[in-house]
N, C-alpha and C. Protein backbone atom coordinates (compact mmCIF):
# COMPACT_ATOMS: atom_id res chain seq x y z
N UNK A 1 10.12 14.63 46.10
CA UNK A 1 8.56 14.32 45.58
C UNK A 1 8.17 14.59 44.93
N UNK A 2 7.80 16.74 45.33
CA UNK A 2 7.81 16.85 44.08
C UNK A 2 8.38 17.31 42.45
N UNK A 3 9.83 16.87 42.51
CA UNK A 3 10.07 16.93 41.30
C UNK A 3 10.09 14.92 40.80
N UNK A 4 9.61 14.49 41.11
CA UNK A 4 9.34 13.09 41.10
C UNK A 4 8.12 12.98 40.38
N UNK A 5 7.36 13.93 40.51
CA UNK A 5 5.78 13.93 40.16
C UNK A 5 5.47 14.98 39.22
N UNK A 6 6.89 16.16 38.93
CA UNK A 6 7.22 16.73 37.77
C UNK A 6 7.93 15.73 36.67
N UNK A 7 8.53 15.27 37.40
CA UNK A 7 9.57 14.24 35.88
C UNK A 7 8.26 13.36 35.39
N UNK A 8 7.65 12.56 35.80
CA UNK A 8 6.62 11.78 35.58
C UNK A 8 5.45 12.47 35.00
N UNK A 9 4.99 13.60 35.07
CA UNK A 9 4.37 14.86 34.11
C UNK A 9 4.99 14.81 32.42
N UNK A 10 6.05 15.01 32.80
CA UNK A 10 6.99 15.70 32.07
C UNK A 10 6.73 14.02 31.07
N UNK A 11 7.45 12.92 31.14
CA UNK A 11 7.25 11.65 30.75
C UNK A 11 6.11 11.55 29.99
N UNK A 12 4.87 11.59 30.49
CA UNK A 12 3.27 12.05 30.25
C UNK A 12 3.80 12.22 28.62
N UNK A 13 3.71 13.43 29.03
CA UNK A 13 3.65 14.54 27.85
C UNK A 13 4.13 14.40 26.17
N UNK A 14 5.88 14.06 27.00
CA UNK A 14 6.75 13.63 26.16
C UNK A 14 6.37 12.32 25.15
N UNK A 15 5.92 11.18 26.05
CA UNK A 15 5.39 10.23 25.73
C UNK A 15 4.40 10.84 24.81
N UNK A 16 3.07 11.40 24.91
CA UNK A 16 1.71 12.04 23.83
C UNK A 16 2.14 12.42 22.71
N UNK A 17 3.23 12.62 23.23
CA UNK A 17 3.87 13.81 21.18
C UNK A 17 4.41 12.94 20.36
N UNK A 18 5.25 11.17 20.64
CA UNK A 18 5.79 10.53 19.89
C UNK A 18 4.46 10.07 19.10
N UNK A 19 4.87 10.50 17.33
CA UNK A 19 3.48 9.95 16.66
C UNK A 19 2.95 8.36 16.70
N UNK A 20 1.67 7.87 17.34
CA UNK A 20 1.55 6.60 16.67
C UNK A 20 1.04 5.88 15.00
N UNK A 21 1.06 5.26 14.80
CA UNK A 21 0.38 4.04 13.57
C UNK A 21 -0.66 4.83 13.49
N UNK A 22 -1.21 5.79 12.59
CA UNK A 22 -2.26 6.10 12.01
C UNK A 22 -3.27 5.60 10.81
N UNK A 23 -4.34 5.47 10.75
CA UNK A 23 -5.15 4.40 10.40
C UNK A 23 -5.50 5.01 8.96
N UNK A 24 -5.22 3.92 7.90
CA UNK A 24 -5.70 4.77 6.59
C UNK A 24 -6.67 4.68 5.97
N UNK A 25 -7.64 5.57 4.99
CA UNK A 25 -8.75 4.41 4.29
C UNK A 25 -8.87 3.45 4.13
N UNK A 26 -9.72 2.38 4.28
CA UNK A 26 -9.79 1.10 4.10
C UNK A 26 -9.89 1.18 2.44
N UNK A 27 -10.95 1.68 1.96
CA UNK A 27 -11.29 1.83 0.69
C UNK A 27 -11.01 3.16 -0.25
N UNK A 28 -9.85 2.96 -1.27
CA UNK A 28 -9.72 3.59 -2.01
C UNK A 28 -8.83 3.43 -3.54
N UNK A 29 -9.24 4.56 -4.51
CA UNK A 29 -8.83 4.04 -6.17
C UNK A 29 -7.68 5.06 -5.88
N UNK A 30 -7.24 4.35 -7.11
CA UNK A 30 -5.90 5.41 -7.67
C UNK A 30 -4.87 5.34 -8.68
N UNK A 31 -3.72 5.73 -8.57
CA UNK A 31 -2.69 5.01 -9.62
C UNK A 31 -1.55 4.60 -8.35
N UNK A 32 -1.04 3.62 -9.34
CA UNK A 32 -0.37 3.03 -8.59
C UNK A 32 1.40 2.57 -9.39
N UNK A 33 2.22 2.56 -8.87
CA UNK A 33 3.34 2.25 -9.92
C UNK A 33 4.48 1.66 -8.69
N UNK A 34 4.70 -0.50 -9.53
CA UNK A 34 5.44 -0.97 -8.96
C UNK A 34 6.79 -0.91 -9.76
N UNK A 35 7.70 -1.22 -8.42
CA UNK A 35 9.30 -1.39 -8.90
C UNK A 35 9.40 -2.82 -8.24
N UNK A 36 10.15 -3.83 -8.70
CA UNK A 36 11.14 -4.83 -8.23
C UNK A 36 12.30 -4.71 -9.17
N UNK A 37 13.30 -5.08 -8.30
CA UNK A 37 14.48 -4.41 -9.19
C UNK A 37 15.17 -6.17 -9.58
N UNK A 38 15.06 -7.19 -8.15
CA UNK A 38 15.29 -8.41 -8.56
C UNK A 38 14.79 -9.06 -9.59
N UNK A 39 13.60 -8.92 -9.96
CA UNK A 39 12.84 -9.59 -11.13
C UNK A 39 13.04 -8.10 -12.68
N UNK A 40 13.42 -7.35 -12.51
CA UNK A 40 13.83 -6.01 -13.29
C UNK A 40 11.94 -6.23 -13.60
N UNK A 41 11.46 -5.95 -13.03
CA UNK A 41 9.72 -5.49 -13.33
C UNK A 41 9.43 -4.21 -13.06
N UNK A 42 8.62 -3.64 -13.84
CA UNK A 42 7.86 -2.29 -13.12
C UNK A 42 6.39 -2.46 -13.99
N UNK A 43 5.33 -2.35 -13.30
CA UNK A 43 4.18 -2.11 -13.43
C UNK A 43 3.39 -0.43 -13.16
N UNK A 44 3.03 0.38 -13.80
CA UNK A 44 1.90 0.99 -13.36
C UNK A 44 0.67 0.95 -13.82
N UNK A 45 -0.57 1.54 -12.88
CA UNK A 45 -1.92 0.58 -13.66
C UNK A 45 -3.10 1.75 -12.70
N UNK A 46 -3.97 1.77 -12.41
CA UNK A 46 -5.20 2.12 -11.80
C UNK A 46 -5.21 1.17 -11.09
N UNK A 47 -5.60 1.21 -9.57
CA UNK A 47 -6.04 0.06 -8.30
C UNK A 47 -7.23 0.69 -7.79
N UNK A 48 -7.99 -0.02 -7.19
CA UNK A 48 -9.11 -0.26 -6.78
C UNK A 48 -9.01 -1.33 -5.35
N UNK A 49 -8.96 -0.47 -4.74
CA UNK A 49 -8.38 -1.24 -2.84
C UNK A 49 -9.22 -1.30 -2.12
N UNK A 50 -10.22 -1.88 -1.61
CA UNK A 50 -10.54 -2.61 -0.32
C UNK A 50 -9.63 -3.77 0.78
N UNK A 51 -9.59 -3.06 2.33
CA UNK A 51 -9.22 -3.45 3.38
C UNK A 51 -10.01 -4.36 4.01
N UNK A 52 -11.08 -4.01 4.59
CA UNK A 52 -12.46 -4.62 4.21
C UNK A 52 -12.36 -6.64 4.14
N UNK A 53 -12.03 -6.82 2.77
CA UNK A 53 -12.53 -7.17 2.37
C UNK A 53 -12.12 -8.61 3.06
N UNK A 54 -10.12 -8.50 2.45
CA UNK A 54 -9.47 -7.25 1.93
C UNK A 54 -9.41 -8.21 0.44
N UNK A 55 -8.83 -7.16 -0.08
CA UNK A 55 -8.99 -7.68 -2.05
C UNK A 55 -8.45 -6.27 -2.87
N UNK A 56 -8.09 -6.12 -3.99
CA UNK A 56 -7.80 -5.36 -4.57
C UNK A 56 -7.40 -5.65 -6.17
N UNK A 57 -7.58 -4.60 -7.02
CA UNK A 57 -7.88 -4.66 -8.21
C UNK A 57 -6.68 -3.75 -8.73
N UNK A 58 -6.51 -4.30 -10.05
CA UNK A 58 -5.03 -3.38 -10.78
C UNK A 58 -5.06 -3.65 -12.33
N UNK A 59 -5.85 -2.57 -12.88
CA UNK A 59 -5.35 -2.91 -14.59
C UNK A 59 -4.01 -1.98 -14.97
N UNK A 60 -2.97 -2.80 -15.32
CA UNK A 60 -1.70 -1.93 -15.36
C UNK A 60 -0.92 -2.62 -16.63
N UNK A 61 0.10 -1.92 -16.89
CA UNK A 61 1.16 -2.25 -18.10
C UNK A 61 1.68 -2.47 -17.52
N UNK A 62 2.82 -4.25 -17.60
CA UNK A 62 3.74 -3.98 -16.98
C UNK A 62 4.71 -4.73 -17.82
N UNK A 63 5.72 -4.28 -17.82
CA UNK A 63 7.12 -4.61 -17.83
C UNK A 63 8.20 -5.10 -17.65
N UNK A 64 8.54 -6.69 -18.07
CA UNK A 64 9.87 -7.13 -17.61
C UNK A 64 10.91 -7.59 -18.14
N UNK A 65 11.66 -6.90 -18.23
CA UNK A 65 12.88 -6.94 -19.34
C UNK A 65 12.51 -5.93 -20.32
N UNK A 66 12.14 -6.18 -21.28
CA UNK A 66 12.19 -5.52 -22.25
C UNK A 66 10.38 -6.10 -22.59
N UNK A 67 10.22 -7.28 -22.34
CA UNK A 67 8.73 -7.22 -22.98
C UNK A 67 7.62 -6.54 -22.29
N UNK A 68 6.46 -5.90 -22.58
CA UNK A 68 5.56 -4.71 -22.00
C UNK A 68 4.51 -5.56 -22.56
N UNK A 69 3.15 -6.40 -20.96
CA UNK A 69 1.85 -7.13 -21.23
C UNK A 69 0.68 -6.20 -20.43
N UNK A 70 -0.16 -6.33 -20.92
CA UNK A 70 -1.32 -5.29 -20.31
C UNK A 70 -2.35 -6.86 -19.61
N UNK A 71 -2.83 -5.74 -18.46
CA UNK A 71 -3.09 -7.39 -17.37
C UNK A 71 -4.08 -6.15 -16.57
N UNK A 72 -5.25 -6.90 -16.74
CA UNK A 72 -6.33 -7.06 -15.64
C UNK A 72 -6.20 -7.96 -14.16
N UNK A 73 -5.56 -7.23 -13.08
CA UNK A 73 -5.67 -8.67 -12.17
C UNK A 73 -6.47 -7.86 -11.01
N UNK A 74 -7.01 -9.20 -10.10
CA UNK A 74 -8.05 -9.08 -9.53
C UNK A 74 -7.11 -10.15 -8.17
N UNK A 75 -6.86 -9.14 -7.29
CA UNK A 75 -6.50 -10.38 -6.11
C UNK A 75 -7.49 -10.46 -5.15
N UNK A 76 -8.41 -11.35 -4.76
CA UNK A 76 -9.37 -11.55 -4.01
C UNK A 76 -8.75 -12.65 -2.39
N UNK A 77 -7.87 -11.85 -1.82
CA UNK A 77 -7.88 -12.05 -0.58
C UNK A 77 -8.59 -13.40 0.76
N UNK A 78 -9.82 -12.30 0.17
CA UNK A 78 -10.55 -13.32 1.04
C UNK A 78 -11.87 -14.25 0.99
N UNK A 79 -11.11 -14.80 -0.73
CA UNK A 79 -11.15 -16.25 -0.80
C UNK A 79 -10.17 -17.10 -1.35
N UNK A 80 -9.03 -15.90 -1.31
CA UNK A 80 -7.59 -16.79 -1.74
C UNK A 80 -7.16 -16.92 -3.40
N UNK A 81 -7.44 -16.15 -4.14
CA UNK A 81 -7.30 -16.25 -5.12
C UNK A 81 -7.03 -14.21 -6.02
N UNK A 82 -6.66 -14.96 -7.25
CA UNK A 82 -6.15 -14.19 -8.24
C UNK A 82 -6.43 -14.57 -9.36
N UNK A 83 -7.44 -13.24 -10.23
CA UNK A 83 -7.17 -13.65 -11.56
C UNK A 83 -6.67 -12.73 -12.20
N UNK A 84 -6.27 -13.10 -13.30
CA UNK A 84 -5.13 -12.91 -14.08
C UNK A 84 -5.71 -12.31 -15.36
N UNK A 85 -6.17 -11.61 -15.80
CA UNK A 85 -6.16 -11.73 -17.73
C UNK A 85 -6.23 -10.85 -18.45
N UNK A 86 -5.57 -11.58 -18.84
CA UNK A 86 -4.10 -10.54 -20.15
C UNK A 86 -5.10 -9.97 -20.99
N UNK A 87 -4.93 -8.66 -21.26
CA UNK A 87 -5.89 -7.98 -21.69
C UNK A 87 -5.36 -7.99 -23.70
N UNK A 88 -4.16 -8.46 -23.82
CA UNK A 88 -4.51 -8.40 -25.57
C UNK A 88 -4.49 -9.74 -25.75
N UNK A 89 -4.89 -10.90 -24.83
CA UNK A 89 -5.50 -12.32 -25.68
C UNK A 89 -6.57 -12.53 -25.27
N UNK A 90 -6.54 -11.70 -24.16
CA UNK A 90 -8.91 -12.13 -23.44
C UNK A 90 -8.57 -13.93 -22.86
N UNK A 91 -7.24 -14.13 -22.39
CA UNK A 91 -6.96 -15.28 -21.13
C UNK A 91 -6.18 -14.69 -20.53
N UNK A 92 -7.59 -16.00 -19.67
CA UNK A 92 -7.90 -15.35 -18.38
C UNK A 92 -7.31 -16.69 -17.20
N UNK A 93 -5.71 -16.25 -15.76
CA UNK A 93 -5.21 -17.67 -15.76
C UNK A 93 -5.88 -17.16 -14.25
N UNK A 94 -6.54 -18.10 -13.28
CA UNK A 94 -6.67 -18.34 -11.56
C UNK A 94 -5.46 -19.06 -11.06
N UNK A 95 -6.03 -18.25 -10.03
CA UNK A 95 -3.74 -19.52 -9.49
C UNK A 95 -4.73 -19.05 -8.17
N UNK A 96 -3.82 -19.39 -7.18
CA UNK A 96 -4.25 -19.80 -5.83
C UNK A 96 -3.39 -18.82 -5.37
N UNK A 97 -4.00 -17.93 -4.09
CA UNK A 97 -2.73 -16.48 -3.66
C UNK A 97 -2.66 -17.14 -2.21
N UNK A 98 -1.66 -17.43 -2.09
CA UNK A 98 -0.38 -17.75 -0.98
C UNK A 98 -0.25 -17.38 0.19
N UNK A 99 0.44 -16.00 -0.40
CA UNK A 99 1.49 -14.72 0.33
C UNK A 99 -0.38 -14.32 0.86
N UNK A 100 0.23 -13.72 2.38
CA UNK A 100 -1.13 -12.68 3.24
C UNK A 100 -1.46 -11.52 2.56
N UNK A 101 -2.46 -11.24 2.45
CA UNK A 101 -3.07 -9.86 2.34
C UNK A 101 -2.04 -8.30 3.46
N UNK A 102 -1.02 -7.76 2.85
CA UNK A 102 -0.81 -6.97 3.32
C UNK A 102 -1.41 -5.42 3.08
N UNK A 103 -1.55 -3.98 4.31
CA UNK A 103 -1.67 -3.79 4.05
C UNK A 103 -1.47 -2.32 3.92
N UNK A 104 -1.58 -1.12 2.44
CA UNK A 104 -0.96 -0.37 1.53
C UNK A 104 -0.62 0.42 2.35
N UNK A 105 -1.12 0.65 3.51
CA UNK A 105 -1.66 1.23 4.61
C UNK A 105 0.03 1.33 5.89
N UNK A 106 -0.55 2.01 7.03
CA UNK A 106 0.31 1.80 8.08
C UNK A 106 -0.31 0.58 9.23
N UNK A 107 0.58 -0.61 9.51
CA UNK A 107 0.22 -1.65 9.94
C UNK A 107 0.01 -1.20 11.51
N UNK A 108 -0.23 -1.41 12.57
CA UNK A 108 -0.53 -1.35 13.43
C UNK A 108 0.30 -1.57 14.50
N UNK A 109 1.61 -2.21 14.65
CA UNK A 109 2.15 -2.16 15.18
C UNK A 109 3.79 -1.19 14.24
N UNK A 110 3.54 -0.28 13.34
CA UNK A 110 4.52 0.19 12.49
C UNK A 110 5.37 1.38 14.17
N UNK A 111 6.35 1.21 13.63
CA UNK A 111 7.53 2.46 14.33
C UNK A 111 7.38 3.31 13.12
N UNK A 112 6.65 4.51 13.61
CA UNK A 112 7.35 6.33 13.24
C UNK A 112 8.85 6.48 13.89
N UNK A 113 9.21 6.93 12.13
CA UNK A 113 10.89 7.65 11.99
C UNK A 113 11.15 8.39 11.66
N UNK A 114 10.03 9.18 11.06
CA UNK A 114 10.18 10.54 11.06
C UNK A 114 9.07 11.46 10.15
N UNK A 115 8.89 12.57 9.96
CA UNK A 115 8.48 13.69 9.20
C UNK A 115 9.10 14.20 7.91
N UNK A 116 8.57 14.50 6.46
CA UNK A 116 9.30 15.48 6.25
C UNK A 116 8.29 15.80 5.28
N UNK A 117 8.63 17.19 4.26
CA UNK A 117 7.25 17.76 3.58
C UNK A 117 8.69 17.65 2.28
N UNK A 118 7.04 17.45 1.22
CA UNK A 118 7.63 17.14 0.11
C UNK A 118 6.92 18.29 -0.81
N UNK A 119 7.75 18.92 -1.28
CA UNK A 119 7.60 20.64 -1.76
C UNK A 119 7.78 21.45 -1.09
N UNK A 120 7.76 23.00 -1.73
CA UNK A 120 7.98 23.89 -0.92
C UNK A 120 7.37 23.96 0.09
N UNK A 121 8.34 23.71 1.23
CA UNK A 121 7.89 24.20 2.63
C UNK A 121 7.98 25.80 2.71
N UNK A 122 6.85 25.71 3.68
CA UNK A 122 6.20 27.35 4.04
C UNK A 122 5.68 27.83 3.06
N UNK A 123 5.13 27.17 1.80
CA UNK A 123 4.21 27.89 0.93
C UNK A 123 3.15 27.06 0.39
N UNK A 124 2.28 27.76 1.12
CA UNK A 124 0.51 27.20 1.29
C UNK A 124 0.18 26.75 0.35
N UNK A 125 -0.28 25.25 0.47
CA UNK A 125 -0.66 25.04 -1.11
C UNK A 125 0.56 24.06 -1.66
N UNK A 126 1.52 24.58 -2.21
CA UNK A 126 2.60 23.73 -2.19
C UNK A 126 3.31 22.82 -1.73
N UNK A 127 3.19 22.50 -0.88
CA UNK A 127 3.49 21.31 -0.26
C UNK A 127 2.36 19.92 0.75
N UNK A 128 3.61 19.27 0.82
CA UNK A 128 2.59 18.01 2.15
C UNK A 128 3.72 17.30 2.71
N UNK A 129 3.12 17.13 4.51
CA UNK A 129 3.57 16.34 4.99
C UNK A 129 3.79 15.58 5.28
N UNK A 130 4.68 14.45 5.38
CA UNK A 130 4.46 13.00 5.55
C UNK A 130 4.97 12.73 6.52
N UNK A 131 4.82 11.19 6.73
CA UNK A 131 5.12 10.62 8.05
C UNK A 131 5.61 8.83 7.37
N UNK A 132 6.87 8.85 8.68
CA UNK A 132 7.11 7.51 8.36
C UNK A 132 7.09 6.58 8.58
N UNK A 133 6.91 5.27 8.09
CA UNK A 133 7.03 4.27 9.60
C UNK A 133 7.68 2.68 8.47
N UNK A 134 7.93 1.81 9.92
CA UNK A 134 8.22 1.10 9.29
C UNK A 134 8.17 -0.39 10.45
N UNK A 135 8.15 -1.67 10.33
CA UNK A 135 8.60 -2.46 11.08
C UNK A 135 8.47 -3.80 10.23
N UNK A 136 8.10 -5.90 11.41
CA UNK A 136 8.24 -6.06 10.63
C UNK A 136 7.57 -7.16 10.54
N UNK A 137 6.43 -8.34 9.77
CA UNK A 137 5.38 -9.03 9.61
C UNK A 137 5.74 -10.31 10.16
N UNK A 138 5.44 -10.80 10.73
CA UNK A 138 5.37 -12.22 11.53
C UNK A 138 6.22 -13.16 11.31
N UNK A 139 6.46 -12.60 9.48
CA UNK A 139 6.97 -13.86 9.23
C UNK A 139 8.29 -13.93 8.04
N UNK A 140 8.78 -12.22 9.06
CA UNK A 140 10.54 -12.10 8.95
C UNK A 140 10.40 -11.01 7.87
N UNK A 141 9.40 -10.29 6.85
CA UNK A 141 9.22 -9.28 5.94
C UNK A 141 9.23 -7.69 6.38
N UNK A 142 10.10 -7.19 6.16
CA UNK A 142 10.13 -5.87 6.21
C UNK A 142 9.64 -4.44 6.14
N UNK A 143 9.14 -3.93 6.16
CA UNK A 143 8.70 -3.01 5.31
C UNK A 143 8.95 -1.67 5.94
N UNK A 144 8.53 -0.18 5.22
CA UNK A 144 8.40 0.47 5.52
C UNK A 144 7.01 1.44 4.24
N UNK A 145 6.96 2.42 4.91
CA UNK A 145 5.71 3.32 4.44
C UNK A 145 5.86 5.01 4.65
N UNK A 146 5.45 5.66 3.40
CA UNK A 146 5.19 7.05 4.16
C UNK A 146 3.62 7.21 3.70
N UNK A 147 2.57 8.09 4.80
CA UNK A 147 1.75 8.48 3.97
C UNK A 147 1.33 9.99 4.37
N UNK A 148 0.48 10.64 3.93
CA UNK A 148 0.30 11.86 4.25
C UNK A 148 -0.07 12.19 6.09
N UNK A 149 0.44 13.22 6.74
CA UNK A 149 0.05 13.66 7.65
C UNK A 149 -1.28 15.01 7.26
N UNK A 150 -2.05 15.27 7.95
CA UNK A 150 -2.69 14.26 8.89
C UNK A 150 -3.78 13.09 8.40
N UNK A 151 -4.08 12.87 7.59
CA UNK A 151 -5.22 12.05 7.24
C UNK A 151 -4.79 10.87 6.55
N UNK A 152 -3.24 10.15 6.41
CA UNK A 152 -2.98 8.90 6.50
C UNK A 152 -3.37 7.96 5.30
N UNK A 153 -2.96 9.07 4.32
CA UNK A 153 -3.17 8.66 2.79
C UNK A 153 -2.04 7.58 3.01
N UNK A 154 -2.20 6.39 1.66
CA UNK A 154 -0.39 5.99 1.53
C UNK A 154 0.00 6.32 0.39
N UNK A 155 1.77 6.89 0.57
CA UNK A 155 2.13 7.73 -0.85
C UNK A 155 2.74 6.35 -1.05
N UNK A 156 3.72 6.02 -0.75
CA UNK A 156 4.99 5.10 -0.97
C UNK A 156 4.65 3.79 0.16
N UNK A 157 5.45 2.67 -0.35
CA UNK A 157 5.50 1.46 0.46
C UNK A 157 6.29 0.57 -0.05
N UNK A 158 7.07 -0.72 1.02
CA UNK A 158 8.25 -1.25 0.31
C UNK A 158 8.28 -2.40 1.58
N UNK A 159 8.58 -3.89 0.30
CA UNK A 159 8.72 -4.41 1.76
C UNK A 159 10.61 -5.45 0.51
N UNK A 160 10.95 -6.09 1.82
CA UNK A 160 12.12 -6.77 1.91
C UNK A 160 11.70 -7.91 2.40
N UNK A 161 12.13 -9.12 1.96
CA UNK A 161 12.56 -9.95 2.20
C UNK A 161 13.00 -11.20 1.47
N UNK A 162 13.95 -12.28 1.82
CA UNK A 162 14.43 -13.09 1.19
C UNK A 162 13.78 -13.87 0.39
N UNK A 163 13.17 -14.60 0.78
CA UNK A 163 12.17 -14.64 -1.01
C UNK A 163 11.87 -13.79 -1.85
N UNK A 164 11.24 -12.77 -1.74
CA UNK A 164 10.81 -11.66 -2.66
C UNK A 164 11.73 -10.61 -2.79
N UNK A 165 12.74 -10.46 -2.46
CA UNK A 165 13.75 -9.33 -2.59
C UNK A 165 13.07 -8.33 -2.35
N UNK A 166 13.05 -7.19 -2.66
CA UNK A 166 12.70 -5.80 -2.77
C UNK A 166 11.63 -5.50 -3.44
N UNK A 167 10.68 -4.60 -2.98
CA UNK A 167 9.42 -4.18 -4.01
C UNK A 167 8.80 -2.93 -3.62
N UNK A 168 8.60 -2.08 -4.33
CA UNK A 168 8.03 -0.93 -4.34
C UNK A 168 7.43 -0.45 -4.78
N UNK A 169 5.50 -0.18 -4.08
CA UNK A 169 4.93 0.89 -4.62
C UNK A 169 5.34 2.41 -4.51
N UNK A 170 4.18 3.55 -5.88
CA UNK A 170 4.12 4.51 -4.66
C UNK A 170 2.60 4.78 -5.53
N UNK A 171 2.50 5.72 -4.79
CA UNK A 171 0.56 6.03 -5.33
C UNK A 171 0.56 7.06 -4.84
N UNK A 172 -0.45 7.18 -6.26
CA UNK A 172 -0.48 8.75 -6.09
C UNK A 172 -2.46 8.98 -6.65
N UNK A 173 -2.63 10.42 -7.12
CA UNK A 173 -4.78 10.41 -7.70
C UNK A 173 -5.20 9.79 -6.60
N UNK A 174 -5.05 9.70 -5.36
CA UNK A 174 -5.75 8.78 -4.24
C UNK A 174 -7.37 9.65 -4.54
N UNK A 175 -7.96 8.49 -4.61
CA UNK A 175 -9.75 9.12 -3.87
C UNK A 175 -10.36 7.97 -2.79
N UNK A 176 -10.49 8.74 -2.06
CA UNK A 176 -11.50 7.95 -1.51
C UNK A 176 -13.30 7.59 -1.72
N UNK A 177 -13.06 5.68 -0.98
CA UNK A 177 -14.11 5.34 -1.39
C UNK A 177 -13.79 4.31 -2.80
N UNK A 178 -15.10 3.42 -2.77
CA UNK A 178 -14.94 2.98 -4.76
C UNK A 178 -15.93 3.17 -4.90
N UNK A 179 -16.22 3.42 -5.94
CA UNK A 179 -16.76 4.62 -6.52
C UNK A 179 -17.83 3.44 -7.59
N UNK A 180 -17.04 2.14 -8.11
CA UNK A 180 -18.01 1.04 -9.13
C UNK A 180 -17.74 0.22 -7.62
N UNK A 181 -18.92 -0.57 -7.15
CA UNK A 181 -18.52 -1.87 -6.08
C UNK A 181 -18.48 -3.26 -6.76
N UNK A 182 -18.99 -3.16 -8.03
CA UNK A 182 -18.89 -4.30 -9.00
C UNK A 182 -17.52 -4.53 -9.50
N UNK A 183 -16.25 -3.90 -9.27
CA UNK A 183 -14.74 -3.55 -10.05
C UNK A 183 -14.52 -4.29 -9.48
N UNK A 184 -14.75 -5.38 -8.20
CA UNK A 184 -13.99 -6.57 -7.34
C UNK A 184 -14.75 -8.30 -8.25
N UNK A 185 -15.54 -7.89 -9.26
CA UNK A 185 -15.87 -9.43 -9.49
C UNK A 185 -15.00 -9.66 -11.01
N UNK A 186 -15.18 -10.74 -10.52
CA UNK A 186 -13.88 -11.18 -11.96
C UNK A 186 -14.79 -10.90 -13.50
N UNK A 187 -13.33 -10.67 -14.27
CA UNK A 187 -13.90 -10.27 -15.35
C UNK A 187 -14.43 -11.16 -16.13
N UNK A 188 -15.89 -11.26 -16.98
CA UNK A 188 -16.36 -12.58 -17.37
C UNK A 188 -15.58 -13.54 -18.22
N UNK A 189 -14.31 -13.01 -18.58
CA UNK A 189 -13.29 -14.10 -19.25
C UNK A 189 -12.65 -15.45 -17.98
N UNK A 190 -13.23 -14.87 -16.89
CA UNK A 190 -12.91 -15.75 -15.86
C UNK A 190 -14.13 -16.20 -15.21
N UNK A 191 -14.54 -16.08 -15.88
CA UNK A 191 -15.93 -17.28 -15.08
C UNK A 191 -16.02 -18.79 -15.00
N UNK A 192 -16.36 -19.32 -14.57
CA UNK A 192 -16.64 -20.27 -13.36
C UNK A 192 -15.07 -21.36 -12.96
N UNK A 193 -14.24 -20.58 -13.02
CA UNK A 193 -13.30 -20.75 -12.77
C UNK A 193 -12.25 -20.55 -10.83
């Protein structure tokens, strides 16, 4: 009986040590690089992210094949619209968002897959510990993501699906919070659409 109690306590201790999905900040700003190899697409830009609404905006330089364009893209998942302003021509296109909002942090159902140190391990201030997670959304899209430990700041994430192929985002220069709440108002060129 004593062995059974000891085994139960040991099992509880080991289970408690398994990393659980952490909660990433719900609002932040920073920079993002997105790569889609299937579409030969590359994007670098500034991002404002609000998971509460949910919505995000990217002021981007986009490269597809050898064509370079500049856009201000506002994804308002809370109203189901995407506003895409071409910064060269000032032409605004408004389309319906049909794909679901996917958090850039760790979804609550994610699986912990490992931990790593980026930078010089053992030298204070010269490294960051990241945790790796993966999983699958209800529609079958597989995802993976890396976040800092212990603050759960997004570092990278990606998605793989039959419909869209493989898309990868890398985040950096993150600041918690939104400095200008007006950033989620559509550009004036898109007014009335």
